């Protein structure tokens, strides 16, 4: 960083400002949510499909193991299943595999991911799922509060309003 500062000091003028702006953009890269091609390298889509398969089968133990807060996720799923019943629980999560429901976008912010599903059978409700990369290409459902997750939640809200980020 010292070398960049020295170069900017020597350059001065408009050229120095241009170099500064280019360097700032390079440093900021990765600090803004960016679209990811679902299913490509670096996508959480594979983990999402595995998680949804477990949920559609009613296997909340296996689903909870795919969370970065497994006990919390297990309790949430257990309580939801007790509230709606086993068959409704399976139906709710199985619907992600219906042809009218599809993954429409994925965004990344550092190691965090947001998957956005268009649930066409539910009047095109846009549902979001949050994931975090724990090692190269391996993801868990992100159940831990963080600034990145909050920022991705705002991306979901904007997407729902028709203001999807670039």
C-alpha atoms as a PDB file:
ATOM      1  CA  UNK A   1       0.000   0.000   0.000  1.00  0.00           C
ATOM      2  CA  UNK A   2       2.945   2.329   0.718  1.00  0.00           C
ATOM      3  CA  UNK A   3       4.201   1.887  -2.843  1.00  0.00           C
ATOM      4  CA  UNK A   4       0.759   2.832  -4.230  1.00  0.00           C
ATOM      5  CA  UNK A   5       0.670   5.947  -2.030  1.00  0.00           C
ATOM      6  CA  UNK A   6       4.149   6.972  -3.214  1.00  0.00           C
ATOM      7  CA  UNK A   7       3.205   6.418  -6.860  1.00  0.00           C
ATOM      8  CA  UNK A   8       0.072   8.542  -6.449  1.00  0.00           C
ATOM      9  CA  UNK A   9       2.061  11.340  -4.757  1.00  0.00           C
ATOM     10  CA  UNK A  10       4.580  11.428  -7.616  1.00  0.00           C
ATOM     11  CA  UNK A  11       1.965  11.217 -10.376  1.00  0.00           C
ATOM     12  CA  UNK A  12      -0.300  14.035  -9.154  1.00  0.00           C
ATOM     13  CA  UNK A  13      -2.915  15.699 -11.402  1.00  0.00           C
ATOM     14  CA  UNK A  14      -5.650  13.881 -13.285  1.00  0.00           C
ATOM     15  CA  UNK A  15      -3.538  10.842 -13.995  1.00  0.00           C
ATOM     16  CA  UNK A  16      -2.995  10.407 -10.252  1.00  0.00           C
ATOM     17  CA  UNK A  17      -6.725  10.678  -9.604  1.00  0.00           C
ATOM     18  CA  UNK A  18      -7.469   8.070 -12.283  1.00  0.00           C
ATOM     19  CA  UNK A  19      -4.903   5.718 -10.818  1.00  0.00           C
ATOM     20  CA  UNK A  20      -6.318   6.298  -7.345  1.00  0.00           C
ATOM     21  CA  UNK A  21      -9.866   5.517  -8.522  1.00  0.00           C
ATOM     22  CA  UNK A  22      -8.699   2.373 -10.316  1.00  0.00           C
ATOM     23  CA  UNK A  23      -6.816   1.218  -7.220  1.00  0.00           C
ATOM     24  CA  UNK A  24      -9.823   1.954  -4.996  1.00  0.00           C
ATOM     25  CA  UNK A  25     -12.078  -0.055  -7.309  1.00  0.00           C
ATOM     26  CA  UNK A  26      -9.638  -2.977  -7.241  1.00  0.00           C
ATOM     27  CA  UNK A  27      -9.454  -2.895  -3.453  1.00  0.00           C
ATOM     28  CA  UNK A  28     -13.243  -2.692  -3.134  1.00  0.00           C
ATOM     29  CA  UNK A  29     -13.811  -5.674  -5.412  1.00  0.00           C
ATOM     30  CA  UNK A  30     -15.455  -8.420  -3.403  1.00  0.00           C
ATOM     31  CA  UNK A  31     -17.045  -5.904  -1.041  1.00  0.00           C
ATOM     32  CA  UNK A  32     -20.209  -5.588  -3.112  1.00  0.00           C
ATOM     33  CA  UNK A  33     -22.680  -8.370  -3.879  1.00  0.00           C
ATOM     34  CA  UNK A  34     -22.011  -9.892  -7.305  1.00  0.00           C
ATOM     35  CA  UNK A  35     -24.069 -12.263  -9.418  1.00  0.00           C
ATOM     36  CA  UNK A  36     -22.901 -15.875  -9.640  1.00  0.00           C
ATOM     37  CA  UNK A  37     -23.947 -18.375 -12.299  1.00  0.00           C
ATOM     38  CA  UNK A  38     -25.919 -21.003 -10.335  1.00  0.00           C
ATOM     39  CA  UNK A  39     -24.241 -24.359 -10.695  1.00  0.00           C
ATOM     40  CA  UNK A  40     -20.880 -22.889 -11.765  1.00  0.00           C
ATOM     41  CA  UNK A  41     -17.737 -23.186  -9.664  1.00  0.00           C
ATOM     42  CA  UNK A  42     -18.215 -21.200  -6.477  1.00  0.00           C
ATOM     43  CA  UNK A  43     -21.987 -21.703  -6.443  1.00  0.00           C
ATOM     44  CA  UNK A  44     -23.908 -22.934  -3.416  1.00  0.00           C
ATOM     45  CA  UNK A  45     -26.571 -24.520  -5.649  1.00  0.00           C
ATOM     46  CA  UNK A  46     -25.348 -28.090  -5.104  1.00  0.00           C
ATOM     47  CA  UNK A  47     -25.614 -27.724  -1.328  1.00  0.00           C
ATOM     48  CA  UNK A  48     -29.061 -26.125  -1.702  1.00  0.00           C
ATOM     49  CA  UNK A  49     -30.308 -29.105  -3.733  1.00  0.00           C
ATOM     50  CA  UNK A  50     -28.912 -31.561  -1.177  1.00  0.00           C
ATOM     51  CA  UNK A  51     -30.481 -29.625   1.697  1.00  0.00           C
ATOM     52  CA  UNK A  52     -33.863 -29.454  -0.059  1.00  0.00           C
ATOM     53  CA  UNK A  53     -33.741 -33.202  -0.798  1.00  0.00           C
ATOM     54  CA  UNK A  54     -33.234 -33.901   2.915  1.00  0.00           C
ATOM     55  CA  UNK A  55     -36.074 -31.552   3.843  1.00  0.00           C
ATOM     56  CA  UNK A  56     -38.457 -32.952   1.209  1.00  0.00           C
ATOM     57  CA  UNK A  57     -37.760 -36.417   2.652  1.00  0.00           C
ATOM     58  CA  UNK A  58     -38.415 -35.115   6.181  1.00  0.00           C
ATOM     59  CA  UNK A  59     -34.847 -35.817   7.331  1.00  0.00           C
ATOM     60  CA  UNK A  60     -34.298 -32.816   9.586  1.00  0.00           C
ATOM     61  CA  UNK A  61     -31.191 -34.313  11.194  1.00  0.00           C
ATOM     62  CA  UNK A  62     -29.350 -34.513   7.863  1.00  0.00           C
ATOM     63  CA  UNK A  63     -30.608 -31.052   6.883  1.00  0.00           C
ATOM     64  CA  UNK A  64     -29.419 -29.562  10.177  1.00  0.00           C
ATOM     65  CA  UNK A  65     -25.921 -30.963   9.616  1.00  0.00           C
ATOM     66  CA  UNK A  66     -25.722 -28.717   6.530  1.00  0.00           C
ATOM     67  CA  UNK A  67     -25.929 -25.600   8.736  1.00  0.00           C
ATOM     68  CA  UNK A  68     -23.212 -23.563  10.428  1.00  0.00           C
ATOM     69  CA  UNK A  69     -25.517 -23.583  13.502  1.00  0.00           C
ATOM     70  CA  UNK A  70     -26.801 -27.188  13.370  1.00  0.00           C
ATOM     71  CA  UNK A  71     -28.530 -27.324  16.757  1.00  0.00           C
ATOM     72  CA  UNK A  72     -30.380 -24.070  16.132  1.00  0.00           C
ATOM     73  CA  UNK A  73     -31.397 -25.229  12.618  1.00  0.00           C
ATOM     74  CA  UNK A  74     -32.532 -28.629  13.959  1.00  0.00           C
ATOM     75  CA  UNK A  75     -34.743 -26.998  16.600  1.00  0.00           C
ATOM     76  CA  UNK A  76     -36.255 -24.603  14.068  1.00  0.00           C
ATOM     77  CA  UNK A  77     -37.034 -27.439  11.633  1.00  0.00           C
ATOM     78  CA  UNK A  78     -38.356 -29.696  14.408  1.00  0.00           C
ATOM     79  CA  UNK A  79     -40.678 -26.960  15.671  1.00  0.00           C
ATOM     80  CA  UNK A  80     -41.910 -26.155  12.165  1.00  0.00           C
ATOM     81  CA  UNK A  81     -42.569 -29.830  11.421  1.00  0.00           C
ATOM     82  CA  UNK A  82     -44.481 -30.189  14.711  1.00  0.00           C
ATOM     83  CA  UNK A  83     -46.562 -27.130  13.795  1.00  0.00           C
ATOM     84  CA  UNK A  84     -47.522 -28.145  10.229  1.00  0.00           C
ATOM     85  CA  UNK A  85     -47.271 -31.945  10.386  1.00  0.00           C
ATOM     86  CA  UNK A  86     -44.957 -34.386   8.619  1.00  0.00           C
ATOM     87  CA  UNK A  87     -46.743 -34.483   5.241  1.00  0.00           C
ATOM     88  CA  UNK A  88     -47.120 -30.696   4.943  1.00  0.00           C
ATOM     89  CA  UNK A  89     -43.472 -30.263   5.946  1.00  0.00           C
ATOM     90  CA  UNK A  90     -42.374 -32.566   3.124  1.00  0.00           C
ATOM     91  CA  UNK A  91     -44.746 -30.856   0.657  1.00  0.00           C
ATOM     92  CA  UNK A  92     -43.452 -27.370   1.492  1.00  0.00           C
ATOM     93  CA  UNK A  93     -39.833 -28.307   0.797  1.00  0.00           C
ATOM     94  CA  UNK A  94     -40.609 -30.684  -2.047  1.00  0.00           C
ATOM     95  CA  UNK A  95     -42.207 -27.827  -3.994  1.00  0.00           C
ATOM     96  CA  UNK A  96     -38.759 -26.406  -4.788  1.00  0.00           C
ATOM     97  CA  UNK A  97     -38.431 -29.290  -7.267  1.00  0.00           C
ATOM     98  CA  UNK A  98     -41.700 -28.548  -9.107  1.00  0.00           C
ATOM     99  CA  UNK A  99     -41.179 -27.303 -12.685  1.00  0.00           C
ATOM    100  CA  UNK A 100     -42.882 -23.940 -12.046  1.00  0.00           C
ATOM    101  CA  UNK A 101     -40.446 -23.220  -9.193  1.00  0.00           C
ATOM    102  CA  UNK A 102     -36.866 -22.419 -10.093  1.00  0.00           C
ATOM    103  CA  UNK A 103     -33.657 -20.831  -8.942  1.00  0.00           C
ATOM    104  CA  UNK A 104     -33.519 -17.395 -10.596  1.00  0.00           C
ATOM    105  CA  UNK A 105     -30.390 -15.802  -9.123  1.00  0.00           C
ATOM    106  CA  UNK A 106     -27.387 -16.289  -6.909  1.00  0.00           C
ATOM    107  CA  UNK A 107     -25.278 -13.530  -5.373  1.00  0.00           C
ATOM    108  CA  UNK A 108     -21.981 -13.698  -3.531  1.00  0.00           C
ATOM    109  CA  UNK A 109     -20.404 -11.395  -1.028  1.00  0.00           C
ATOM    110  CA  UNK A 110     -17.025 -12.769  -0.027  1.00  0.00           C
ATOM    111  CA  UNK A 111     -17.677 -16.316   1.225  1.00  0.00           C
ATOM    112  CA  UNK A 112     -21.405 -15.663   1.660  1.00  0.00           C
ATOM    113  CA  UNK A 113     -24.077 -16.614  -0.900  1.00  0.00           C
ATOM    114  CA  UNK A 114     -27.727 -15.774  -1.461  1.00  0.00           C
ATOM    115  CA  UNK A 115     -29.874 -18.045  -3.628  1.00  0.00           C
ATOM    116  CA  UNK A 116     -33.176 -16.601  -4.846  1.00  0.00           C
ATOM    117  CA  UNK A 117     -35.974 -18.965  -5.839  1.00  0.00           C
ATOM    118  CA  UNK A 118     -39.082 -17.996  -7.812  1.00  0.00           C
ATOM    119  CA  UNK A 119     -41.882 -20.084  -6.341  1.00  0.00           C
ATOM    120  CA  UNK A 120     -44.228 -19.784  -9.313  1.00  0.00           C
ATOM    121  CA  UNK A 121     -46.861 -21.972  -7.725  1.00  0.00           C
ATOM    122  CA  UNK A 122     -47.023 -19.482  -4.850  1.00  0.00           C
ATOM    123  CA  UNK A 123     -47.832 -16.437  -7.052  1.00  0.00           C
ATOM    124  CA  UNK A 124     -44.138 -16.001  -7.876  1.00  0.00           C
ATOM    125  CA  UNK A 125     -43.051 -15.459  -4.283  1.00  0.00           C
ATOM    126  CA  UNK A 126     -39.276 -14.895  -4.212  1.00  0.00           C
ATOM    127  CA  UNK A 127     -37.676 -16.986  -1.466  1.00  0.00           C
ATOM    128  CA  UNK A 128     -34.089 -16.534  -0.322  1.00  0.00           C
ATOM    129  CA  UNK A 129     -31.603 -19.002   1.111  1.00  0.00           C
ATOM    130  CA  UNK A 130     -28.294 -17.987   2.669  1.00  0.00           C
ATOM    131  CA  UNK A 131     -25.100 -20.045   2.520  1.00  0.00           C
ATOM    132  CA  UNK A 132     -21.488 -19.624   3.561  1.00  0.00           C
ATOM    133  CA  UNK A 133     -18.435 -21.250   1.975  1.00  0.00           C
ATOM    134  CA  UNK A 134     -16.456 -23.052   4.677  1.00  0.00           C
ATOM    135  CA  UNK A 135     -13.715 -24.328   2.379  1.00  0.00           C
ATOM    136  CA  UNK A 136     -13.081 -24.341  -1.344  1.00  0.00           C
ATOM    137  CA  UNK A 137     -16.407 -25.265  -2.943  1.00  0.00           C
ATOM    138  CA  UNK A 138     -18.016 -26.558   0.272  1.00  0.00           C
ATOM    139  CA  UNK A 139     -21.022 -24.674   1.644  1.00  0.00           C
ATOM    140  CA  UNK A 140     -23.260 -24.721   4.689  1.00  0.00           C
ATOM    141  CA  UNK A 141     -26.572 -22.984   5.219  1.00  0.00           C
ATOM    142  CA  UNK A 142     -25.682 -19.666   6.847  1.00  0.00           C
ATOM    143  CA  UNK A 143     -27.594 -19.434  10.114  1.00  0.00           C
ATOM    144  CA  UNK A 144     -25.121 -17.116  11.840  1.00  0.00           C
ATOM    145  CA  UNK A 145     -25.826 -13.379  11.901  1.00  0.00           C
ATOM    146  CA  UNK A 146     -23.225 -11.276  10.081  1.00  0.00           C
ATOM    147  CA  UNK A 147     -22.872  -7.977   8.261  1.00  0.00           C
ATOM    148  CA  UNK A 148     -22.520  -9.862   4.947  1.00  0.00           C
ATOM    149  CA  UNK A 149     -25.727 -11.787   5.532  1.00  0.00           C
ATOM    150  CA  UNK A 150     -27.548  -8.541   6.362  1.00  0.00           C
ATOM    151  CA  UNK A 151     -26.264  -6.993   3.148  1.00  0.00           C
ATOM    152  CA  UNK A 152     -27.404 -10.023   1.146  1.00  0.00           C
ATOM    153  CA  UNK A 153     -30.828  -9.785   2.832  1.00  0.00           C
ATOM    154  CA  UNK A 154     -31.038  -6.237   1.421  1.00  0.00           C
ATOM    155  CA  UNK A 155     -30.169  -7.653  -2.019  1.00  0.00           C
ATOM    156  CA  UNK A 156     -33.131 -10.042  -1.662  1.00  0.00           C
ATOM    157  CA  UNK A 157     -35.407  -7.153  -0.665  1.00  0.00           C
ATOM    158  CA  UNK A 158     -34.226  -5.109  -3.666  1.00  0.00           C
ATOM    159  CA  UNK A 159     -34.679  -8.108  -5.971  1.00  0.00           C
ATOM    160  CA  UNK A 160     -38.255  -8.464  -4.721  1.00  0.00           C
ATOM    161  CA  UNK A 161     -38.828  -4.788  -5.566  1.00  0.00           C
ATOM    162  CA  UNK A 162     -37.484  -5.301  -9.080  1.00  0.00           C
ATOM    163  CA  UNK A 163     -34.164  -3.547  -8.369  1.00  0.00           C
ATOM    164  CA  UNK A 164     -31.754  -6.431  -8.779  1.00  0.00           C
ATOM    165  CA  UNK A 165     -28.049  -5.486  -8.425  1.00  0.00           C
ATOM    166  CA  UNK A 166     -25.811  -5.890 -11.450  1.00  0.00           C
END
